[in-house]
PDB file of N, CA and C in Angstrom:
ATOM      1  N   MET A   1      94.947 120.500 112.743  1.00  0.00           N
ATOM      2  CA  MET A   1      95.302 120.449 111.332  1.00  0.00           C
ATOM      3  C   MET A   1      94.538 121.560 110.593  1.00  0.00           C
ATOM      4  N   GLN A   2      95.170 122.146 109.624  1.00  0.00           N
ATOM      5  CA  GLN A   2      94.547 123.230 108.877  1.00  0.00           C
ATOM      6  C   GLN A   2      93.352 122.733 108.073  1.00  0.00           C
ATOM      7  N   ARG A   3      92.404 123.628 107.893  1.00  0.00           N
ATOM      8  CA  ARG A   3      91.205 123.294 107.122  1.00  0.00           C
ATOM      9  C   ARG A   3      91.540 122.846 105.708  1.00  0.00           C
ATOM     10  N   ARG A   4      92.512 123.523 105.119  1.00  0.00           N
ATOM     11  CA  ARG A   4      92.901 123.213 103.747  1.00  0.00           C
ATOM     12  C   ARG A   4      93.468 121.794 103.637  1.00  0.00           C
ATOM     13  N   VAL A   5      94.278 121.411 104.598  1.00  0.00           N
ATOM     14  CA  VAL A   5      94.852 120.060 104.623  1.00  0.00           C
ATOM     15  C   VAL A   5      93.738 119.034 104.776  1.00  0.00           C
ATOM     16  N   LEU A   6      92.823 119.298 105.693  1.00  0.00           N
ATOM     17  CA  LEU A   6      91.696 118.375 105.903  1.00  0.00           C
ATOM     18  C   LEU A   6      90.847 118.242 104.643  1.00  0.00           C
ATOM     19  N   ALA A   7      90.597 119.354 103.971  1.00  0.00           N
ATOM     20  CA  ALA A   7      89.793 119.319 102.742  1.00  0.00           C
ATOM     21  C   ALA A   7      90.498 118.505 101.663  1.00  0.00           C
ATOM     22  N   THR A   8      91.800 118.672 101.552  1.00  0.00           N
ATOM     23  CA  THR A   8      92.565 117.915 100.563  1.00  0.00           C
ATOM     24  C   THR A   8      92.533 116.426 100.872  1.00  0.00           C
ATOM     25  N   LYS A   9      92.759 116.092 102.125  1.00  0.00           N
ATOM     26  CA  LYS A   9      92.722 114.679 102.512  1.00  0.00           C
ATOM     27  C   LYS A   9      91.334 114.092 102.300  1.00  0.00           C
ATOM     28  N   GLU A  10      90.298 114.861 102.574  1.00  0.00           N
ATOM     29  CA  GLU A  10      88.928 114.370 102.350  1.00  0.00           C
ATOM     30  C   GLU A  10      88.691 114.071 100.873  1.00  0.00           C
ATOM     31  N   ARG A  11      89.224 114.915  99.988  1.00  0.00           N
ATOM     32  CA  ARG A  11      89.088 114.653  98.546  1.00  0.00           C
ATOM     33  C   ARG A  11      89.816 113.369  98.168  1.00  0.00           C
ATOM     34  N   ILE A  12      90.969 113.158  98.755  1.00  0.00           N
ATOM     35  CA  ILE A  12      91.718 111.935  98.480  1.00  0.00           C
ATOM     36  C   ILE A  12      90.965 110.719  99.019  1.00  0.00           C
ATOM     37  N   TYR A  13      90.453 110.808 100.240  1.00  0.00           N
ATOM     38  CA  TYR A  13      89.674 109.697 100.815  1.00  0.00           C
ATOM     39  C   TYR A  13      88.450 109.389  99.951  1.00  0.00           C
ATOM     40  N   SER A  14      87.751 110.418  99.521  1.00  0.00           N
ATOM     41  CA  SER A  14      86.566 110.218  98.676  1.00  0.00           C
ATOM     42  C   SER A  14      86.948 109.542  97.374  1.00  0.00           C
ATOM     43  N   SER A  15      88.078 109.924  96.830  1.00  0.00           N
ATOM     44  CA  SER A  15      88.545 109.316  95.587  1.00  0.00           C
ATOM     45  C   SER A  15      88.864 107.837  95.778  1.00  0.00           C
ATOM     46  N   ILE A  16      89.452 107.513  96.909  1.00  0.00           N
ATOM     47  CA  ILE A  16      89.742 106.104  97.205  1.00  0.00           C
ATOM     48  C   ILE A  16      88.444 105.308  97.253  1.00  0.00           C
ATOM     49  N   ILE A  17      87.457 105.831  97.926  1.00  0.00           N
ATOM     50  CA  ILE A  17      86.171 105.140  98.039  1.00  0.00           C
ATOM     51  C   ILE A  17      85.535 104.970  96.663  1.00  0.00           C
ATOM     52  N   GLU A  18      85.566 106.015  95.845  1.00  0.00           N
ATOM     53  CA  GLU A  18      84.998 105.926  94.492  1.00  0.00           C
ATOM     54  C   GLU A  18      85.744 104.890  93.658  1.00  0.00           C
ATOM     55  N   GLU A  19      87.058 104.865  93.761  1.00  0.00           N
ATOM     56  CA  GLU A  19      87.846 103.889  93.008  1.00  0.00           C
ATOM     57  C   GLU A  19      87.549 102.466  93.476  1.00  0.00           C
ATOM     58  N   LEU A  20      87.363 102.283  94.783  1.00  0.00           N
ATOM     59  CA  LEU A  20      87.041 100.956  95.307  1.00  0.00           C
ATOM     60  C   LEU A  20      85.673 100.461  94.837  1.00  0.00           C
ATOM     61  N   LYS A  21      84.776 101.380  94.545  1.00  0.00           N
ATOM     62  CA  LYS A  21      83.460 101.002  94.020  1.00  0.00           C
ATOM     63  C   LYS A  21      83.578 100.472  92.594  1.00  0.00           C
ATOM     64  N   LYS A  22      84.583 100.944  91.874  1.00  0.00           N
ATOM     65  CA  LYS A  22      84.738 100.589  90.463  1.00  0.00           C
ATOM     66  C   LYS A  22      85.658  99.404  90.210  1.00  0.00           C
ATOM     67  N   ALA A  23      86.636  99.222  91.081  1.00  0.00           N
ATOM     68  CA  ALA A  23      87.658  98.211  90.800  1.00  0.00           C
ATOM     69  C   ALA A  23      88.159  97.587  92.091  1.00  0.00           C
ATOM     70  N   PRO A  24      88.699  96.372  91.995  1.00  0.00           N
ATOM     71  CA  PRO A  24      89.288  95.754  93.190  1.00  0.00           C
ATOM     72  C   PRO A  24      90.539  96.516  93.628  1.00  0.00           C
ATOM     73  N   LEU A  25      90.883  96.362  94.870  1.00  0.00           N
ATOM     74  CA  LEU A  25      92.020  97.070  95.453  1.00  0.00           C
ATOM     75  C   LEU A  25      93.308  96.844  94.661  1.00  0.00           C
ATOM     76  N   THR A  26      93.484  95.650  94.138  1.00  0.00           N
ATOM     77  CA  THR A  26      94.704  95.330  93.396  1.00  0.00           C
ATOM     78  C   THR A  26      94.832  96.116  92.093  1.00  0.00           C
ATOM     79  N   GLU A  27      93.744  96.683  91.603  1.00  0.00           N
ATOM     80  CA  GLU A  27      93.777  97.443  90.349  1.00  0.00           C
ATOM     81  C   GLU A  27      93.844  98.946  90.564  1.00  0.00           C
ATOM     82  N   ILE A  28      93.760  99.388  91.791  1.00  0.00           N
ATOM     83  CA  ILE A  28      93.792 100.816  92.088  1.00  0.00           C
ATOM     84  C   ILE A  28      95.238 101.284  92.171  1.00  0.00           C
ATOM     85  N   THR A  29      95.496 102.432  91.581  1.00  0.00           N
ATOM     86  CA  THR A  29      96.853 102.977  91.592  1.00  0.00           C
ATOM     87  C   THR A  29      96.851 104.371  92.207  1.00  0.00           C
ATOM     88  N   ASP A  30      98.038 104.804  92.586  1.00  0.00           N
ATOM     89  CA  ASP A  30      98.182 106.172  93.085  1.00  0.00           C
ATOM     90  C   ASP A  30      97.663 107.152  92.044  1.00  0.00           C
ATOM     91  N   ARG A  31      98.032 106.904  90.790  1.00  0.00           N
ATOM     92  CA  ARG A  31      97.653 107.803  89.696  1.00  0.00           C
ATOM     93  C   ARG A  31      96.133 107.945  89.563  1.00  0.00           C
ATOM     94  N   ASN A  32      95.401 106.831  89.707  1.00  0.00           N
ATOM     95  CA  ASN A  32      93.930 106.889  89.644  1.00  0.00           C
ATOM     96  C   ASN A  32      93.381 107.811  90.721  1.00  0.00           C
ATOM     97  N   ILE A  33      93.885 107.651  91.916  1.00  0.00           N
ATOM     98  CA  ILE A  33      93.397 108.443  93.050  1.00  0.00           C
ATOM     99  C   ILE A  33      93.763 109.907  92.888  1.00  0.00           C
ATOM    100  N   ILE A  34      94.995 110.170  92.476  1.00  0.00           N
ATOM    101  CA  ILE A  34      95.454 111.548  92.274  1.00  0.00           C
ATOM    102  C   ILE A  34      94.591 112.244  91.230  1.00  0.00           C
ATOM    103  N   SER A  35      94.328 111.556  90.154  1.00  0.00           N
ATOM    104  CA  SER A  35      93.511 112.124  89.082  1.00  0.00           C
ATOM    105  C   SER A  35      92.089 112.398  89.550  1.00  0.00           C
ATOM    106  N   LYS A  36      91.497 111.419  90.214  1.00  0.00           N
ATOM    107  CA  LYS A  36      90.113 111.549  90.689  1.00  0.00           C
ATOM    108  C   LYS A  36      89.989 112.665  91.726  1.00  0.00           C
ATOM    109  N   ALA A  37      90.984 112.798  92.601  1.00  0.00           N
ATOM    110  CA  ALA A  37      90.941 113.818  93.661  1.00  0.00           C
ATOM    111  C   ALA A  37      91.295 115.205  93.134  1.00  0.00           C
ATOM    112  N   GLN A  38      91.827 115.240  91.936  1.00  0.00           N
ATOM    113  CA  GLN A  38      92.263 116.493  91.318  1.00  0.00           C
ATOM    114  C   GLN A  38      93.265 117.229  92.200  1.00  0.00           C
ATOM    115  N   VAL A  39      94.273 116.470  92.632  1.00  0.00           N
ATOM    116  CA  VAL A  39      95.395 117.039  93.379  1.00  0.00           C
ATOM    117  C   VAL A  39      96.664 116.719  92.599  1.00  0.00           C
ATOM    118  N   SER A  40      97.708 117.455  92.856  1.00  0.00           N
ATOM    119  CA  SER A  40      98.977 117.156  92.198  1.00  0.00           C
ATOM    120  C   SER A  40      99.604 115.941  92.873  1.00  0.00           C
ATOM    121  N   SER A  41     100.481 115.289  92.146  1.00  0.00           N
ATOM    122  CA  SER A  41     101.148 114.131  92.740  1.00  0.00           C
ATOM    123  C   SER A  41     102.008 114.579  93.921  1.00  0.00           C
ATOM    124  N   GLY A  42     102.593 115.775  93.838  1.00  0.00           N
ATOM    125  CA  GLY A  42     103.378 116.303  94.954  1.00  0.00           C
ATOM    126  C   GLY A  42     102.549 116.457  96.212  1.00  0.00           C
ATOM    127  N   THR A  43     101.314 116.934  96.045  1.00  0.00           N
ATOM    128  CA  THR A  43     100.412 117.081  97.189  1.00  0.00           C
ATOM    129  C   THR A  43     100.067 115.725  97.772  1.00  0.00           C
ATOM    130  N   PHE A  44      99.750 114.774  96.911  1.00  0.00           N
ATOM    131  CA  PHE A  44      99.407 113.431  97.389  1.00  0.00           C
ATOM    132  C   PHE A  44     100.559 112.847  98.195  1.00  0.00           C
ATOM    133  N   TYR A  45     101.764 112.911  97.628  1.00  0.00           N
ATOM    134  CA  TYR A  45     102.918 112.295  98.294  1.00  0.00           C
ATOM    135  C   TYR A  45     103.411 113.108  99.485  1.00  0.00           C
ATOM    136  N   LYS A  46     102.961 114.325  99.616  1.00  0.00           N
ATOM    137  CA  LYS A  46     103.272 115.113 100.811  1.00  0.00           C
ATOM    138  C   LYS A  46     102.591 114.494 102.036  1.00  0.00           C
ATOM    139  N   TYR A  47     101.393 113.946 101.832  1.00  0.00           N
ATOM    140  CA  TYR A  47     100.608 113.388 102.928  1.00  0.00           C
ATOM    141  C   TYR A  47     100.679 111.869 103.040  1.00  0.00           C
ATOM    142  N   PHE A  48     100.926 111.177 101.917  1.00  0.00           N
ATOM    143  CA  PHE A  48     100.898 109.713 101.900  1.00  0.00           C
ATOM    144  C   PHE A  48     102.078 109.151 101.105  1.00  0.00           C
ATOM    145  N   ARG A  49     102.568 107.982 101.524  1.00  0.00           N
ATOM    146  CA  ARG A  49     103.643 107.313 100.775  1.00  0.00           C
ATOM    147  C   ARG A  49     103.118 106.718  99.474  1.00  0.00           C
ATOM    148  N   ASN A  50     101.889 106.185  99.534  1.00  0.00           N
ATOM    149  CA  ASN A  50     101.260 105.558  98.375  1.00  0.00           C
ATOM    150  C   ASN A  50      99.774 105.365  98.687  1.00  0.00           C
ATOM    151  N   HIS A  51      99.043 104.759  97.766  1.00  0.00           N
ATOM    152  CA  HIS A  51      97.595 104.609  97.971  1.00  0.00           C
ATOM    153  C   HIS A  51      97.280 103.663  99.133  1.00  0.00           C
ATOM    154  N   THR A  52      98.160 102.704  99.399  1.00  0.00           N
ATOM    155  CA  THR A  52      97.947 101.803 100.523  1.00  0.00           C
ATOM    156  C   THR A  52      98.042 102.561 101.846  1.00  0.00           C
ATOM    157  N   ASP A  53      98.992 103.466 101.932  1.00  0.00           N
ATOM    158  CA  ASP A  53      99.144 104.307 103.117  1.00  0.00           C
ATOM    159  C   ASP A  53      97.901 105.180 103.308  1.00  0.00           C
ATOM    160  N   ALA A  54      97.404 105.754 102.224  1.00  0.00           N
ATOM    161  CA  ALA A  54      96.197 106.592 102.295  1.00  0.00           C
ATOM    162  C   ALA A  54      94.990 105.760 102.724  1.00  0.00           C
ATOM    163  N   LEU A  55      94.870 104.567 102.176  1.00  0.00           N
ATOM    164  CA  LEU A  55      93.761 103.681 102.539  1.00  0.00           C
ATOM    165  C   LEU A  55      93.849 103.291 104.010  1.00  0.00           C
ATOM    166  N   ARG A  56      95.045 103.015 104.491  1.00  0.00           N
ATOM    167  CA  ARG A  56      95.227 102.653 105.899  1.00  0.00           C
ATOM    168  C   ARG A  56      94.788 103.808 106.812  1.00  0.00           C
ATOM    169  N   GLU A  57      95.155 105.034 106.450  1.00  0.00           N
ATOM    170  CA  GLU A  57      94.749 106.181 107.260  1.00  0.00           C
ATOM    171  C   GLU A  57      93.231 106.365 107.216  1.00  0.00           C
ATOM    172  N   LEU A  58      92.630 106.187 106.049  1.00  0.00           N
ATOM    173  CA  LEU A  58      91.172 106.278 105.917  1.00  0.00           C
ATOM    174  C   LEU A  58      90.498 105.236 106.811  1.00  0.00           C
ATOM    175  N   GLU A  59      90.975 104.012 106.777  1.00  0.00           N
ATOM    176  CA  GLU A  59      90.410 102.947 107.620  1.00  0.00           C
ATOM    177  C   GLU A  59      90.527 103.300 109.098  1.00  0.00           C
ATOM    178  N   ASN A  60      91.698 103.777 109.505  1.00  0.00           N
ATOM    179  CA  ASN A  60      91.901 104.149 110.909  1.00  0.00           C
ATOM    180  C   ASN A  60      90.948 105.259 111.334  1.00  0.00           C
ATOM    181  N   ASN A  61      90.754 106.247 110.472  1.00  0.00           N
ATOM    182  CA  ASN A  61      89.827 107.342 110.786  1.00  0.00           C
ATOM    183  C   ASN A  61      88.398 106.832 110.921  1.00  0.00           C
ATOM    184  N   LEU A  62      88.009 105.935 110.031  1.00  0.00           N
ATOM    185  CA  LEU A  62      86.658 105.372 110.097  1.00  0.00           C
ATOM    186  C   LEU A  62      86.463 104.562 111.375  1.00  0.00           C
ATOM    187  N   LEU A  63      87.472 103.793 111.747  1.00  0.00           N
ATOM    188  CA  LEU A  63      87.376 102.995 112.979  1.00  0.00           C
ATOM    189  C   LEU A  63      87.316 103.883 114.218  1.00  0.00           C
ATOM    190  N   LYS A  64      88.077 104.958 114.232  1.00  0.00           N
ATOM    191  CA  LYS A  64      88.027 105.902 115.358  1.00  0.00           C
ATOM    192  C   LYS A  64      86.632 106.521 115.471  1.00  0.00           C
ATOM    193  N   ASP A  65      86.075 106.938 114.333  1.00  0.00           N
ATOM    194  CA  ASP A  65      84.732 107.527 114.340  1.00  0.00           C
ATOM    195  C   ASP A  65      83.697 106.522 114.810  1.00  0.00           C
ATOM    196  N   TYR A  66      83.802 105.290 114.332  1.00  0.00           N
ATOM    197  CA  TYR A  66      82.871 104.238 114.712  1.00  0.00           C
ATOM    198  C   TYR A  66      82.970 103.950 116.204  1.00  0.00           C
ATOM    199  N   SER A  67      84.183 103.862 116.691  1.00  0.00           N
ATOM    200  CA  SER A  67      84.406 103.610 118.108  1.00  0.00           C
ATOM    201  C   SER A  67      83.849 104.750 118.969  1.00  0.00           C
ATOM    202  N   PHE A  68      84.043 105.969 118.520  1.00  0.00           N
ATOM    203  CA  PHE A  68      83.515 107.127 119.236  1.00  0.00           C
ATOM    204  C   PHE A  68      81.994 107.064 119.333  1.00  0.00           C
ATOM    205  N   VAL A  69      81.349 106.717 118.241  1.00  0.00           N
ATOM    206  CA  VAL A  69      79.882 106.625 118.221  1.00  0.00           C
ATOM    207  C   VAL A  69      79.415 105.515 119.158  1.00  0.00           C
ATOM    208  N   LEU A  70      80.090 104.378 119.118  1.00  0.00           N
ATOM    209  CA  LEU A  70      79.702 103.270 120.002  1.00  0.00           C
ATOM    210  C   LEU A  70      79.873 103.635 121.467  1.00  0.00           C
ATOM    211  N   ASN A  71      80.920 104.332 121.786  1.00  0.00           N
ATOM    212  CA  ASN A  71      81.200 104.694 123.180  1.00  0.00           C
ATOM    213  C   ASN A  71      80.352 105.849 123.684  1.00  0.00           C
ATOM    214  N   SER A  72      79.767 106.596 122.781  1.00  0.00           N
ATOM    215  CA  SER A  72      78.957 107.746 123.215  1.00  0.00           C
ATOM    216  C   SER A  72      77.532 107.351 123.570  1.00  0.00           C
ATOM    217  N   ASP A  73      77.137 106.145 123.252  1.00  0.00           N
ATOM    218  CA  ASP A  73      75.773 105.698 123.574  1.00  0.00           C
ATOM    219  C   ASP A  73      75.621 105.272 124.995  1.00  0.00           C
TER     220      ASP A  73
END
């Protein structure tokens, strides 16, 4: 994956985490994340269907990283 794509997704993931610190999941919207990540809505929807899809990908990435660390010991 291109560096630029990874950087954009990282900004979106960080925004999701910041939003989760402030509000429950039921109150988080695509618009909140898009605004916080400072990406266009077109860019957001290019990579994700909605904030739930983005959160699911973030969770999967975290679990893969965690599993990798556990297996490397």
